[in-house]
Structures are given as C-alpha cells and as structure tokens.
Amino acid sequence: MNFLLCVQLIVLSVVASQAFLCKEASLSCPVITRNHRRLKGFTLKTFHSASLLSCSLQCQRNPRCISTNFRKISKTEGTCELNDRGVFPLEEGKELEYDEEAIYTQLYKKK
C-alpha cells in the first residue's frame, strides 16, 4: 500500500467512527448547518436561548428533536425552535425556506 492510501484510510476510519461516539451532553456529533435557512412546519418546542450552541444542546437532549431553527434577537438572547423532522437526507416536501436571520442545524443521532 502506498503512503497516501494509508493516510486516506486512517482519516476515513476516524471520520466514520465519530458517528458512533456521539455523547448526549456535548456536541461531538456531526452537525449540518445552513445559514439564512429554516425548516417550517415541524416545530415541537419554541423557547428563548442564549446561543446557537445552547439551542443545539437542548435538541440533543430531547429524543424527539432532529433539527433546530435559531434566530438571534439581541447580543445575549435568541429564539430556539426544536424540530421533530430534518431535511437531510433530502426528501420532497422538506425543503428549507430562506430566512435572513435564521440558522438551521441538524444533528446526526445514532438510533
């Protein structure tokens, strides 16, 4: 085996293993983020949140949560929406809509 192939295999195995190392109390799971986008129609809970990070942690702790919409209201406060659906993998009828102030995130959760 050549050196480049060995390096690629090592990197691939590390990345693949991350999906199985997700911890509920942290954001060690892979995250998909889309700025200026939100998922509409699948909100299960809305609340004030200090940051995108705290919003995402609440999602990770909720077994029904698949994704979040976060909007910054001020320097110290925002609105977090926990969604019970995600858009990845892409499926018809689950498109993200444009929202200048929103940030969409979807967490990979091993079931």
PDB file of N, CA and C in Angstrom:
ATOM      1  N   MET A   1       0.839  -1.182   0.000  1.00  0.00           N
ATOM      2  CA  MET A   1       0.000   0.000   0.000  1.00  0.00           C
ATOM      3  C   MET A   1       0.883   1.243   0.000  1.00  0.00           C
ATOM      4  N   ASN A   2       0.488   2.221  -0.741  1.00  0.00           N
ATOM      5  CA  ASN A   2       1.293   3.431  -0.709  1.00  0.00           C
ATOM      6  C   ASN A   2       0.873   4.313   0.463  1.00  0.00           C
ATOM      7  N   PHE A   3       1.715   5.263   0.769  1.00  0.00           N
ATOM      8  CA  PHE A   3       1.515   6.129   1.928  1.00  0.00           C
ATOM      9  C   PHE A   3       0.207   6.912   1.854  1.00  0.00           C
ATOM     10  N   LEU A   4      -0.100   7.483   0.705  1.00  0.00           N
ATOM     11  CA  LEU A   4      -1.317   8.282   0.542  1.00  0.00           C
ATOM     12  C   LEU A   4      -2.571   7.456   0.811  1.00  0.00           C
ATOM     13  N   LEU A   5      -2.606   6.236   0.328  1.00  0.00           N
ATOM     14  CA  LEU A   5      -3.756   5.362   0.565  1.00  0.00           C
ATOM     15  C   LEU A   5      -3.899   5.052   2.052  1.00  0.00           C
ATOM     16  N   CYS A   6      -2.799   4.819   2.734  1.00  0.00           N
ATOM     17  CA  CYS A   6      -2.845   4.558   4.179  1.00  0.00           C
ATOM     18  C   CYS A   6      -3.417   5.758   4.937  1.00  0.00           C
ATOM     19  N   VAL A   7      -2.966   6.952   4.570  1.00  0.00           N
ATOM     20  CA  VAL A   7      -3.463   8.162   5.222  1.00  0.00           C
ATOM     21  C   VAL A   7      -4.959   8.325   4.974  1.00  0.00           C
ATOM     22  N   GLN A   8      -5.408   8.095   3.751  1.00  0.00           N
ATOM     23  CA  GLN A   8      -6.826   8.217   3.431  1.00  0.00           C
ATOM     24  C   GLN A   8      -7.657   7.220   4.225  1.00  0.00           C
ATOM     25  N   LEU A   9      -7.183   6.008   4.365  1.00  0.00           N
ATOM     26  CA  LEU A   9      -7.917   5.001   5.138  1.00  0.00           C
ATOM     27  C   LEU A   9      -7.999   5.380   6.611  1.00  0.00           C
ATOM     28  N   ILE A  10      -6.934   5.925   7.152  1.00  0.00           N
ATOM     29  CA  ILE A  10      -6.943   6.341   8.552  1.00  0.00           C
ATOM     30  C   ILE A  10      -7.930   7.487   8.763  1.00  0.00           C
ATOM     31  N   VAL A  11      -7.884   8.484   7.894  1.00  0.00           N
ATOM     32  CA  VAL A  11      -8.806   9.618   8.003  1.00  0.00           C
ATOM     33  C   VAL A  11     -10.250   9.149   7.871  1.00  0.00           C
ATOM     34  N   LEU A  12     -10.525   8.296   6.915  1.00  0.00           N
ATOM     35  CA  LEU A  12     -11.877   7.772   6.719  1.00  0.00           C
ATOM     36  C   LEU A  12     -12.359   7.018   7.949  1.00  0.00           C
ATOM     37  N   SER A  13     -11.508   6.208   8.556  1.00  0.00           N
ATOM     38  CA  SER A  13     -11.927   5.444   9.732  1.00  0.00           C
ATOM     39  C   SER A  13     -12.185   6.357  10.929  1.00  0.00           C
ATOM     40  N   VAL A  14     -11.399   7.423  11.075  1.00  0.00           N
ATOM     41  CA  VAL A  14     -11.618   8.368  12.174  1.00  0.00           C
ATOM     42  C   VAL A  14     -12.942   9.105  11.984  1.00  0.00           C
ATOM     43  N   VAL A  15     -13.196   9.590  10.779  1.00  0.00           N
ATOM     44  CA  VAL A  15     -14.444  10.302  10.494  1.00  0.00           C
ATOM     45  C   VAL A  15     -15.643   9.386  10.691  1.00  0.00           C
ATOM     46  N   ALA A  16     -15.575   8.172  10.189  1.00  0.00           N
ATOM     47  CA  ALA A  16     -16.687   7.228  10.330  1.00  0.00           C
ATOM     48  C   ALA A  16     -16.932   6.879  11.789  1.00  0.00           C
ATOM     49  N   SER A  17     -15.879   6.777  12.576  1.00  0.00           N
ATOM     50  CA  SER A  17     -16.055   6.410  13.982  1.00  0.00           C
ATOM     51  C   SER A  17     -16.714   7.521  14.789  1.00  0.00           C
ATOM     52  N   GLN A  18     -16.613   8.776  14.340  1.00  0.00           N
ATOM     53  CA  GLN A  18     -17.222   9.883  15.071  1.00  0.00           C
ATOM     54  C   GLN A  18     -18.734   9.728  15.188  1.00  0.00           C
ATOM     55  N   ALA A  19     -19.363   9.123  14.224  1.00  0.00           N
ATOM     56  CA  ALA A  19     -20.814   8.931  14.264  1.00  0.00           C
ATOM     57  C   ALA A  19     -21.229   8.022  15.408  1.00  0.00           C
ATOM     58  N   PHE A  20     -20.322   7.181  15.875  1.00  0.00           N
ATOM     59  CA  PHE A  20     -20.646   6.251  16.946  1.00  0.00           C
ATOM     60  C   PHE A  20     -20.171   6.743  18.305  1.00  0.00           C
ATOM     61  N   LEU A  21     -19.523   7.901  18.345  1.00  0.00           N
ATOM     62  CA  LEU A  21     -19.010   8.437  19.596  1.00  0.00           C
ATOM     63  C   LEU A  21     -19.823   9.610  20.111  1.00  0.00           C
ATOM     64  N   CYS A  22     -20.999   9.838  19.565  1.00  0.00           N
ATOM     65  CA  CYS A  22     -21.825  10.973  19.968  1.00  0.00           C
ATOM     66  C   CYS A  22     -22.198  10.849  21.434  1.00  0.00           C
ATOM     67  N   LYS A  23     -22.047  11.944  22.145  1.00  0.00           N
ATOM     68  CA  LYS A  23     -22.426  11.978  23.547  1.00  0.00           C
ATOM     69  C   LYS A  23     -23.563  12.969  23.700  1.00  0.00           C
ATOM     70  N   GLU A  24     -24.569  12.616  24.487  1.00  0.00           N
ATOM     71  CA  GLU A  24     -25.744  13.474  24.615  1.00  0.00           C
ATOM     72  C   GLU A  24     -25.450  14.795  25.293  1.00  0.00           C
ATOM     73  N   ALA A  25     -24.429  14.872  26.148  1.00  0.00           N
ATOM     74  CA  ALA A  25     -24.142  16.106  26.871  1.00  0.00           C
ATOM     75  C   ALA A  25     -23.187  17.027  26.126  1.00  0.00           C
ATOM     76  N   SER A  26     -22.818  16.680  24.914  1.00  0.00           N
ATOM     77  CA  SER A  26     -21.896  17.520  24.154  1.00  0.00           C
ATOM     78  C   SER A  26     -22.320  17.558  22.699  1.00  0.00           C
ATOM     79  N   LEU A  27     -21.618  18.376  21.939  1.00  0.00           N
ATOM     80  CA  LEU A  27     -21.893  18.451  20.502  1.00  0.00           C
ATOM     81  C   LEU A  27     -20.787  17.751  19.732  1.00  0.00           C
ATOM     82  N   SER A  28     -20.467  16.535  20.139  1.00  0.00           N
ATOM     83  CA  SER A  28     -19.416  15.788  19.457  1.00  0.00           C
ATOM     84  C   SER A  28     -19.939  15.096  18.203  1.00  0.00           C
ATOM     85  N   CYS A  29     -21.224  15.153  17.969  1.00  0.00           N
ATOM     86  CA  CYS A  29     -21.819  14.528  16.790  1.00  0.00           C
ATOM     87  C   CYS A  29     -21.650  15.429  15.567  1.00  0.00           C
ATOM     88  N   PRO A  30     -21.643  14.836  14.391  1.00  0.00           N
ATOM     89  CA  PRO A  30     -21.611  15.663  13.182  1.00  0.00           C
ATOM     90  C   PRO A  30     -22.851  16.555  13.109  1.00  0.00           C
ATOM     91  N   VAL A  31     -22.665  17.782  12.662  1.00  0.00           N
ATOM     92  CA  VAL A  31     -23.744  18.762  12.589  1.00  0.00           C
ATOM     93  C   VAL A  31     -23.788  19.362  11.187  1.00  0.00           C
ATOM     94  N   ILE A  32     -24.983  19.440  10.614  1.00  0.00           N
ATOM     95  CA  ILE A  32     -25.202  20.108   9.332  1.00  0.00           C
ATOM     96  C   ILE A  32     -25.740  21.492   9.657  1.00  0.00           C
ATOM     97  N   THR A  33     -25.134  22.539   9.117  1.00  0.00           N
ATOM     98  CA  THR A  33     -25.554  23.914   9.389  1.00  0.00           C
ATOM     99  C   THR A  33     -25.827  24.642   8.082  1.00  0.00           C
ATOM    100  N   ARG A  34     -26.938  25.374   8.050  1.00  0.00           N
ATOM    101  CA  ARG A  34     -27.284  26.190   6.882  1.00  0.00           C
ATOM    102  C   ARG A  34     -27.676  27.588   7.371  1.00  0.00           C
ATOM    103  N   ASN A  35     -26.841  28.580   7.053  1.00  0.00           N
ATOM    104  CA  ASN A  35     -27.147  29.968   7.407  1.00  0.00           C
ATOM    105  C   ASN A  35     -28.271  30.496   6.528  1.00  0.00           C
ATOM    106  N   HIS A  36     -29.078  31.387   7.094  1.00  0.00           N
ATOM    107  CA  HIS A  36     -30.186  32.049   6.389  1.00  0.00           C
ATOM    108  C   HIS A  36     -31.247  31.054   5.912  1.00  0.00           C
ATOM    109  N   ARG A  37     -31.415  29.966   6.625  1.00  0.00           N
ATOM    110  CA  ARG A  37     -32.410  28.952   6.272  1.00  0.00           C
ATOM    111  C   ARG A  37     -33.098  28.456   7.537  1.00  0.00           C
ATOM    112  N   ARG A  38     -34.357  28.017   7.362  1.00  0.00           N
ATOM    113  CA  ARG A  38     -35.094  27.400   8.466  1.00  0.00           C
ATOM    114  C   ARG A  38     -36.049  26.360   7.909  1.00  0.00           C
ATOM    115  N   LEU A  39     -36.370  25.389   8.751  1.00  0.00           N
ATOM    116  CA  LEU A  39     -37.354  24.369   8.407  1.00  0.00           C
ATOM    117  C   LEU A  39     -38.675  24.804   9.023  1.00  0.00           C
ATOM    118  N   LYS A  40     -39.705  24.896   8.224  1.00  0.00           N
ATOM    119  CA  LYS A  40     -41.007  25.381   8.683  1.00  0.00           C
ATOM    120  C   LYS A  40     -42.001  24.225   8.758  1.00  0.00           C
ATOM    121  N   GLY A  41     -42.825  24.233   9.819  1.00  0.00           N
ATOM    122  CA  GLY A  41     -43.932  23.295   9.915  1.00  0.00           C
ATOM    123  C   GLY A  41     -43.679  22.055  10.750  1.00  0.00           C
ATOM    124  N   PHE A  42     -42.505  21.930  11.357  1.00  0.00           N
ATOM    125  CA  PHE A  42     -42.202  20.732  12.137  1.00  0.00           C
ATOM    126  C   PHE A  42     -41.716  21.065  13.550  1.00  0.00           C
ATOM    127  N   THR A  43     -42.075  22.263  14.051  1.00  0.00           N
ATOM    128  CA  THR A  43     -41.617  22.713  15.367  1.00  0.00           C
ATOM    129  C   THR A  43     -42.353  21.973  16.470  1.00  0.00           C
ATOM    130  N   LEU A  44     -41.589  21.399  17.400  1.00  0.00           N
ATOM    131  CA  LEU A  44     -42.215  20.736  18.546  1.00  0.00           C
ATOM    132  C   LEU A  44     -42.092  21.562  19.817  1.00  0.00           C
ATOM    133  N   LYS A  45     -41.142  22.514  19.858  1.00  0.00           N
ATOM    134  CA  LYS A  45     -40.987  23.359  21.040  1.00  0.00           C
ATOM    135  C   LYS A  45     -40.251  24.638  20.643  1.00  0.00           C
ATOM    136  N   THR A  46     -40.697  25.782  21.190  1.00  0.00           N
ATOM    137  CA  THR A  46     -40.048  27.075  20.971  1.00  0.00           C
ATOM    138  C   THR A  46     -39.730  27.691  22.328  1.00  0.00           C
ATOM    139  N   PHE A  47     -38.520  28.243  22.484  1.00  0.00           N
ATOM    140  CA  PHE A  47     -38.124  28.863  23.747  1.00  0.00           C
ATOM    141  C   PHE A  47     -36.972  29.844  23.512  1.00  0.00           C
ATOM    142  N   HIS A  48     -36.718  30.691  24.515  1.00  0.00           N
ATOM    143  CA  HIS A  48     -35.591  31.622  24.446  1.00  0.00           C
ATOM    144  C   HIS A  48     -34.311  30.854  24.736  1.00  0.00           C
ATOM    145  N   SER A  49     -33.266  31.187  24.000  1.00  0.00           N
ATOM    146  CA  SER A  49     -31.979  30.523  24.150  1.00  0.00           C
ATOM    147  C   SER A  49     -30.872  31.558  23.993  1.00  0.00           C
ATOM    148  N   ALA A  50     -29.836  31.450  24.802  1.00  0.00           N
ATOM    149  CA  ALA A  50     -28.748  32.427  24.766  1.00  0.00           C
ATOM    150  C   ALA A  50     -27.892  32.316  23.509  1.00  0.00           C
ATOM    151  N   SER A  51     -27.827  31.118  22.925  1.00  0.00           N
ATOM    152  CA  SER A  51     -26.931  30.929  21.780  1.00  0.00           C
ATOM    153  C   SER A  51     -27.362  29.738  20.933  1.00  0.00           C
ATOM    154  N   LEU A  52     -26.772  29.662  19.762  1.00  0.00           N
ATOM    155  CA  LEU A  52     -26.982  28.510  18.888  1.00  0.00           C
ATOM    156  C   LEU A  52     -26.497  27.236  19.569  1.00  0.00           C
ATOM    157  N   LEU A  53     -25.390  27.327  20.287  1.00  0.00           N
ATOM    158  CA  LEU A  53     -24.848  26.169  20.989  1.00  0.00           C
ATOM    159  C   LEU A  53     -25.827  25.640  22.033  1.00  0.00           C
ATOM    160  N   SER A  54     -26.391  26.521  22.860  1.00  0.00           N
ATOM    161  CA  SER A  54     -27.335  26.050  23.887  1.00  0.00           C
ATOM    162  C   SER A  54     -28.608  25.498  23.250  1.00  0.00           C
ATOM    163  N   CYS A  55     -29.016  26.069  22.130  1.00  0.00           N
ATOM    164  CA  CYS A  55     -30.176  25.556  21.387  1.00  0.00           C
ATOM    165  C   CYS A  55     -29.898  24.130  20.895  1.00  0.00           C
ATOM    166  N   SER A  56     -28.724  23.946  20.316  1.00  0.00           N
ATOM    167  CA  SER A  56     -28.357  22.623  19.793  1.00  0.00           C
ATOM    168  C   SER A  56     -28.220  21.589  20.899  1.00  0.00           C
ATOM    169  N   LEU A  57     -27.699  22.002  22.055  1.00  0.00           N
ATOM    170  CA  LEU A  57     -27.591  21.072  23.182  1.00  0.00           C
ATOM    171  C   LEU A  57     -28.970  20.637  23.670  1.00  0.00           C
ATOM    172  N   GLN A  58     -29.939  21.561  23.692  1.00  0.00           N
ATOM    173  CA  GLN A  58     -31.305  21.194  24.078  1.00  0.00           C
ATOM    174  C   GLN A  58     -31.895  20.189  23.096  1.00  0.00           C
ATOM    175  N   CYS A  59     -31.599  20.370  21.828  1.00  0.00           N
ATOM    176  CA  CYS A  59     -32.073  19.414  20.819  1.00  0.00           C
ATOM    177  C   CYS A  59     -31.466  18.041  21.066  1.00  0.00           C
ATOM    178  N   GLN A  60     -30.179  18.025  21.330  1.00  0.00           N
ATOM    179  CA  GLN A  60     -29.504  16.746  21.522  1.00  0.00           C
ATOM    180  C   GLN A  60     -30.033  16.005  22.748  1.00  0.00           C
ATOM    181  N   ARG A  61     -30.527  16.743  23.728  1.00  0.00           N
ATOM    182  CA  ARG A  61     -31.065  16.120  24.946  1.00  0.00           C
ATOM    183  C   ARG A  61     -32.513  15.665  24.795  1.00  0.00           C
ATOM    184  N   ASN A  62     -33.177  16.120  23.744  1.00  0.00           N
ATOM    185  CA  ASN A  62     -34.581  15.773  23.520  1.00  0.00           C
ATOM    186  C   ASN A  62     -34.655  14.633  22.504  1.00  0.00           C
ATOM    187  N   PRO A  63     -35.164  13.464  22.890  1.00  0.00           N
ATOM    188  CA  PRO A  63     -35.170  12.318  21.972  1.00  0.00           C
ATOM    189  C   PRO A  63     -35.999  12.525  20.705  1.00  0.00           C
ATOM    190  N   ARG A  64     -36.951  13.447  20.722  1.00  0.00           N
ATOM    191  CA  ARG A  64     -37.774  13.697  19.523  1.00  0.00           C
ATOM    192  C   ARG A  64     -37.156  14.725  18.580  1.00  0.00           C
ATOM    193  N   CYS A  65     -36.174  15.477  19.061  1.00  0.00           N
ATOM    194  CA  CYS A  65     -35.599  16.559  18.263  1.00  0.00           C
ATOM    195  C   CYS A  65     -34.613  16.026  17.221  1.00  0.00           C
ATOM    196  N   ILE A  66     -34.792  16.474  15.986  1.00  0.00           N
ATOM    197  CA  ILE A  66     -33.919  16.103  14.874  1.00  0.00           C
ATOM    198  C   ILE A  66     -33.106  17.303  14.405  1.00  0.00           C
ATOM    199  N   SER A  67     -33.714  18.506  14.467  1.00  0.00           N
ATOM    200  CA  SER A  67     -33.042  19.701  13.958  1.00  0.00           C
ATOM    201  C   SER A  67     -33.512  20.933  14.718  1.00  0.00           C
ATOM    202  N   THR A  68     -32.831  22.077  14.479  1.00  0.00           N
ATOM    203  CA  THR A  68     -33.208  23.329  15.128  1.00  0.00           C
ATOM    204  C   THR A  68     -33.235  24.481  14.134  1.00  0.00           C
ATOM    205  N   ASN A  69     -34.043  25.480  14.469  1.00  0.00           N
ATOM    206  CA  ASN A  69     -34.000  26.795  13.832  1.00  0.00           C
ATOM    207  C   ASN A  69     -33.631  27.760  14.947  1.00  0.00           C
ATOM    208  N   PHE A  70     -32.594  28.566  14.745  1.00  0.00           N
ATOM    209  CA  PHE A  70     -32.181  29.536  15.760  1.00  0.00           C
ATOM    210  C   PHE A  70     -32.147  30.921  15.144  1.00  0.00           C
ATOM    211  N   ARG A  71     -32.717  31.906  15.884  1.00  0.00           N
ATOM    212  CA  ARG A  71     -32.697  33.309  15.440  1.00  0.00           C
ATOM    213  C   ARG A  71     -32.171  34.156  16.587  1.00  0.00           C
ATOM    214  N   LYS A  72     -31.138  34.928  16.325  1.00  0.00           N
ATOM    215  CA  LYS A  72     -30.569  35.841  17.316  1.00  0.00           C
ATOM    216  C   LYS A  72     -31.470  37.064  17.438  1.00  0.00           C
ATOM    217  N   ILE A  73     -31.920  37.378  18.672  1.00  0.00           N
ATOM    218  CA  ILE A  73     -32.783  38.531  18.925  1.00  0.00           C
ATOM    219  C   ILE A  73     -31.936  39.732  19.353  1.00  0.00           C
ATOM    220  N   SER A  74     -30.971  39.473  20.227  1.00  0.00           N
ATOM    221  CA  SER A  74     -30.065  40.515  20.714  1.00  0.00           C
ATOM    222  C   SER A  74     -28.699  39.875  20.942  1.00  0.00           C
ATOM    223  N   LYS A  75     -27.770  40.636  21.524  1.00  0.00           N
ATOM    224  CA  LYS A  75     -26.434  40.083  21.774  1.00  0.00           C
ATOM    225  C   LYS A  75     -26.455  38.943  22.784  1.00  0.00           C
ATOM    226  N   THR A  76     -27.455  38.927  23.654  1.00  0.00           N
ATOM    227  CA  THR A  76     -27.495  37.928  24.725  1.00  0.00           C
ATOM    228  C   THR A  76     -28.674  36.970  24.648  1.00  0.00           C
ATOM    229  N   GLU A  77     -29.510  37.109  23.636  1.00  0.00           N
ATOM    230  CA  GLU A  77     -30.706  36.273  23.583  1.00  0.00           C
ATOM    231  C   GLU A  77     -31.104  35.933  22.154  1.00  0.00           C
ATOM    232  N   GLY A  78     -31.703  34.742  22.030  1.00  0.00           N
ATOM    233  CA  GLY A  78     -32.221  34.305  20.746  1.00  0.00           C
ATOM    234  C   GLY A  78     -33.445  33.432  20.943  1.00  0.00           C
ATOM    235  N   THR A  79     -34.045  33.013  19.851  1.00  0.00           N
ATOM    236  CA  THR A  79     -35.187  32.105  19.882  1.00  0.00           C
ATOM    237  C   THR A  79     -34.762  30.782  19.268  1.00  0.00           C
ATOM    238  N   CYS A  80     -35.072  29.710  19.963  1.00  0.00           N
ATOM    239  CA  CYS A  80     -34.730  28.367  19.508  1.00  0.00           C
ATOM    240  C   CYS A  80     -36.009  27.597  19.211  1.00  0.00           C
ATOM    241  N   GLU A  81     -36.058  26.964  18.057  1.00  0.00           N
ATOM    242  CA  GLU A  81     -37.154  26.057  17.706  1.00  0.00           C
ATOM    243  C   GLU A  81     -36.573  24.660  17.549  1.00  0.00           C
ATOM    244  N   LEU A  82     -37.109  23.722  18.313  1.00  0.00           N
ATOM    245  CA  LEU A  82     -36.727  22.322  18.154  1.00  0.00           C
ATOM    246  C   LEU A  82     -37.688  21.692  17.160  1.00  0.00           C
ATOM    247  N   ASN A  83     -37.159  21.012  16.165  1.00  0.00           N
ATOM    248  CA  ASN A  83     -37.976  20.374  15.127  1.00  0.00           C
ATOM    249  C   ASN A  83     -37.935  18.857  15.263  1.00  0.00           C
ATOM    250  N   ASP A  84     -39.064  18.219  14.986  1.00  0.00           N
ATOM    251  CA  ASP A  84     -39.097  16.756  15.026  1.00  0.00           C
ATOM    252  C   ASP A  84     -38.846  16.139  13.650  1.00  0.00           C
ATOM    253  N   ARG A  85     -38.384  16.948  12.714  1.00  0.00           N
ATOM    254  CA  ARG A  85     -38.000  16.468  11.379  1.00  0.00           C
ATOM    255  C   ARG A  85     -36.714  17.174  10.969  1.00  0.00           C
ATOM    256  N   GLY A  86     -36.075  16.618   9.962  1.00  0.00           N
ATOM    257  CA  GLY A  86     -34.909  17.246   9.363  1.00  0.00           C
ATOM    258  C   GLY A  86     -35.066  17.204   7.858  1.00  0.00           C
ATOM    259  N   VAL A  87     -34.116  17.753   7.148  1.00  0.00           N
ATOM    260  CA  VAL A  87     -34.200  17.742   5.687  1.00  0.00           C
ATOM    261  C   VAL A  87     -33.119  16.879   5.049  1.00  0.00           C
ATOM    262  N   PHE A  88     -32.211  16.361   5.823  1.00  0.00           N
ATOM    263  CA  PHE A  88     -31.147  15.523   5.282  1.00  0.00           C
ATOM    264  C   PHE A  88     -31.315  14.115   5.804  1.00  0.00           C
ATOM    265  N   PRO A  89     -31.405  13.103   5.005  1.00  0.00           N
ATOM    266  CA  PRO A  89     -31.280  13.176   3.552  1.00  0.00           C
ATOM    267  C   PRO A  89     -32.463  13.931   2.947  1.00  0.00           C
ATOM    268  N   LEU A  90     -32.221  14.560   1.817  1.00  0.00           N
ATOM    269  CA  LEU A  90     -33.257  15.373   1.174  1.00  0.00           C
ATOM    270  C   LEU A  90     -34.456  14.533   0.771  1.00  0.00           C
ATOM    271  N   GLU A  91     -35.625  15.012   1.121  1.00  0.00           N
ATOM    272  CA  GLU A  91     -36.874  14.357   0.743  1.00  0.00           C
ATOM    273  C   GLU A  91     -37.839  15.426   0.257  1.00  0.00           C
ATOM    274  N   GLU A  92     -38.705  15.059  -0.651  1.00  0.00           N
ATOM    275  CA  GLU A  92     -39.682  16.009  -1.176  1.00  0.00           C
ATOM    276  C   GLU A  92     -40.584  16.512  -0.055  1.00  0.00           C
ATOM    277  N   GLY A  93     -40.852  17.803  -0.050  1.00  0.00           N
ATOM    278  CA  GLY A  93     -41.730  18.388   0.957  1.00  0.00           C
ATOM    279  C   GLY A  93     -41.010  18.837   2.218  1.00  0.00           C
ATOM    280  N   LYS A  94     -39.715  18.602   2.299  1.00  0.00           N
ATOM    281  CA  LYS A  94     -38.960  19.007   3.481  1.00  0.00           C
ATOM    282  C   LYS A  94     -37.825  19.954   3.088  1.00  0.00           C
ATOM    283  N   GLU A  95     -38.163  20.973   2.308  1.00  0.00           N
ATOM    284  CA  GLU A  95     -37.161  21.928   1.871  1.00  0.00           C
ATOM    285  C   GLU A  95     -37.007  23.035   2.909  1.00  0.00           C
ATOM    286  N   LEU A  96     -35.824  23.613   2.958  1.00  0.00           N
ATOM    287  CA  LEU A  96     -35.574  24.744   3.839  1.00  0.00           C
ATOM    288  C   LEU A  96     -36.022  26.025   3.156  1.00  0.00           C
ATOM    289  N   GLU A  97     -36.631  26.919   3.925  1.00  0.00           N
ATOM    290  CA  GLU A  97     -37.029  28.204   3.353  1.00  0.00           C
ATOM    291  C   GLU A  97     -36.011  29.271   3.755  1.00  0.00           C
ATOM    292  N   TYR A  98     -35.923  30.315   2.946  1.00  0.00           N
ATOM    293  CA  TYR A  98     -34.999  31.409   3.210  1.00  0.00           C
ATOM    294  C   TYR A  98     -35.510  32.244   4.373  1.00  0.00           C
ATOM    295  N   ASP A  99     -34.619  32.562   5.308  1.00  0.00           N
ATOM    296  CA  ASP A  99     -34.909  33.458   6.427  1.00  0.00           C
ATOM    297  C   ASP A  99     -33.587  34.133   6.781  1.00  0.00           C
ATOM    298  N   GLU A 100     -33.479  35.408   6.509  1.00  0.00           N
ATOM    299  CA  GLU A 100     -32.221  36.156   6.673  1.00  0.00           C
ATOM    300  C   GLU A 100     -31.609  35.993   8.059  1.00  0.00           C
ATOM    301  N   GLU A 101     -32.438  35.913   9.097  1.00  0.00           N
ATOM    302  CA  GLU A 101     -31.944  35.891  10.477  1.00  0.00           C
ATOM    303  C   GLU A 101     -31.760  34.487  11.055  1.00  0.00           C
ATOM    304  N   ALA A 102     -32.150  33.458  10.342  1.00  0.00           N
ATOM    305  CA  ALA A 102     -32.170  32.107  10.911  1.00  0.00           C
ATOM    306  C   ALA A 102     -30.906  31.312  10.602  1.00  0.00           C
ATOM    307  N   ILE A 103     -30.647  30.337  11.476  1.00  0.00           N
ATOM    308  CA  ILE A 103     -29.600  29.339  11.253  1.00  0.00           C
ATOM    309  C   ILE A 103     -30.235  27.975  11.501  1.00  0.00           C
ATOM    310  N   TYR A 104     -30.206  27.122  10.499  1.00  0.00           N
ATOM    311  CA  TYR A 104     -30.741  25.765  10.606  1.00  0.00           C
ATOM    312  C   TYR A 104     -29.598  24.821  10.952  1.00  0.00           C
ATOM    313  N   THR A 105     -29.830  23.922  11.901  1.00  0.00           N
ATOM    314  CA  THR A 105     -28.857  22.868  12.194  1.00  0.00           C
ATOM    315  C   THR A 105     -29.577  21.539  12.298  1.00  0.00           C
ATOM    316  N   GLN A 106     -28.907  20.509  11.865  1.00  0.00           N
ATOM    317  CA  GLN A 106     -29.426  19.151  12.006  1.00  0.00           C
ATOM    318  C   GLN A 106     -28.310  18.296  12.575  1.00  0.00           C
ATOM    319  N   LEU A 107     -28.619  17.622  13.671  1.00  0.00           N
ATOM    320  CA  LEU A 107     -27.644  16.785  14.352  1.00  0.00           C
ATOM    321  C   LEU A 107     -27.788  15.339  13.921  1.00  0.00           C
ATOM    322  N   TYR A 108     -26.664  14.680  13.749  1.00  0.00           N
ATOM    323  CA  TYR A 108     -26.710  13.254  13.472  1.00  0.00           C
ATOM    324  C   TYR A 108     -26.894  12.551  14.798  1.00  0.00           C
ATOM    325  N   LYS A 109     -27.934  11.742  14.895  1.00  0.00           N
ATOM    326  CA  LYS A 109     -28.172  10.969  16.113  1.00  0.00           C
ATOM    327  C   LYS A 109     -28.227   9.506  15.749  1.00  0.00           C
ATOM    328  N   LYS A 110     -27.419   8.712  16.419  1.00  0.00           N
ATOM    329  CA  LYS A 110     -27.458   7.266  16.200  1.00  0.00           C
ATOM    330  C   LYS A 110     -28.652   6.715  16.954  1.00  0.00           C
ATOM    331  N   LYS A 111     -29.524   6.040  16.253  1.00  0.00           N
ATOM    332  CA  LYS A 111     -30.738   5.488  16.879  1.00  0.00           C
ATOM    333  C   LYS A 111     -30.444   4.145  17.502  1.00  0.00           C
TER     334      LYS A 111
END
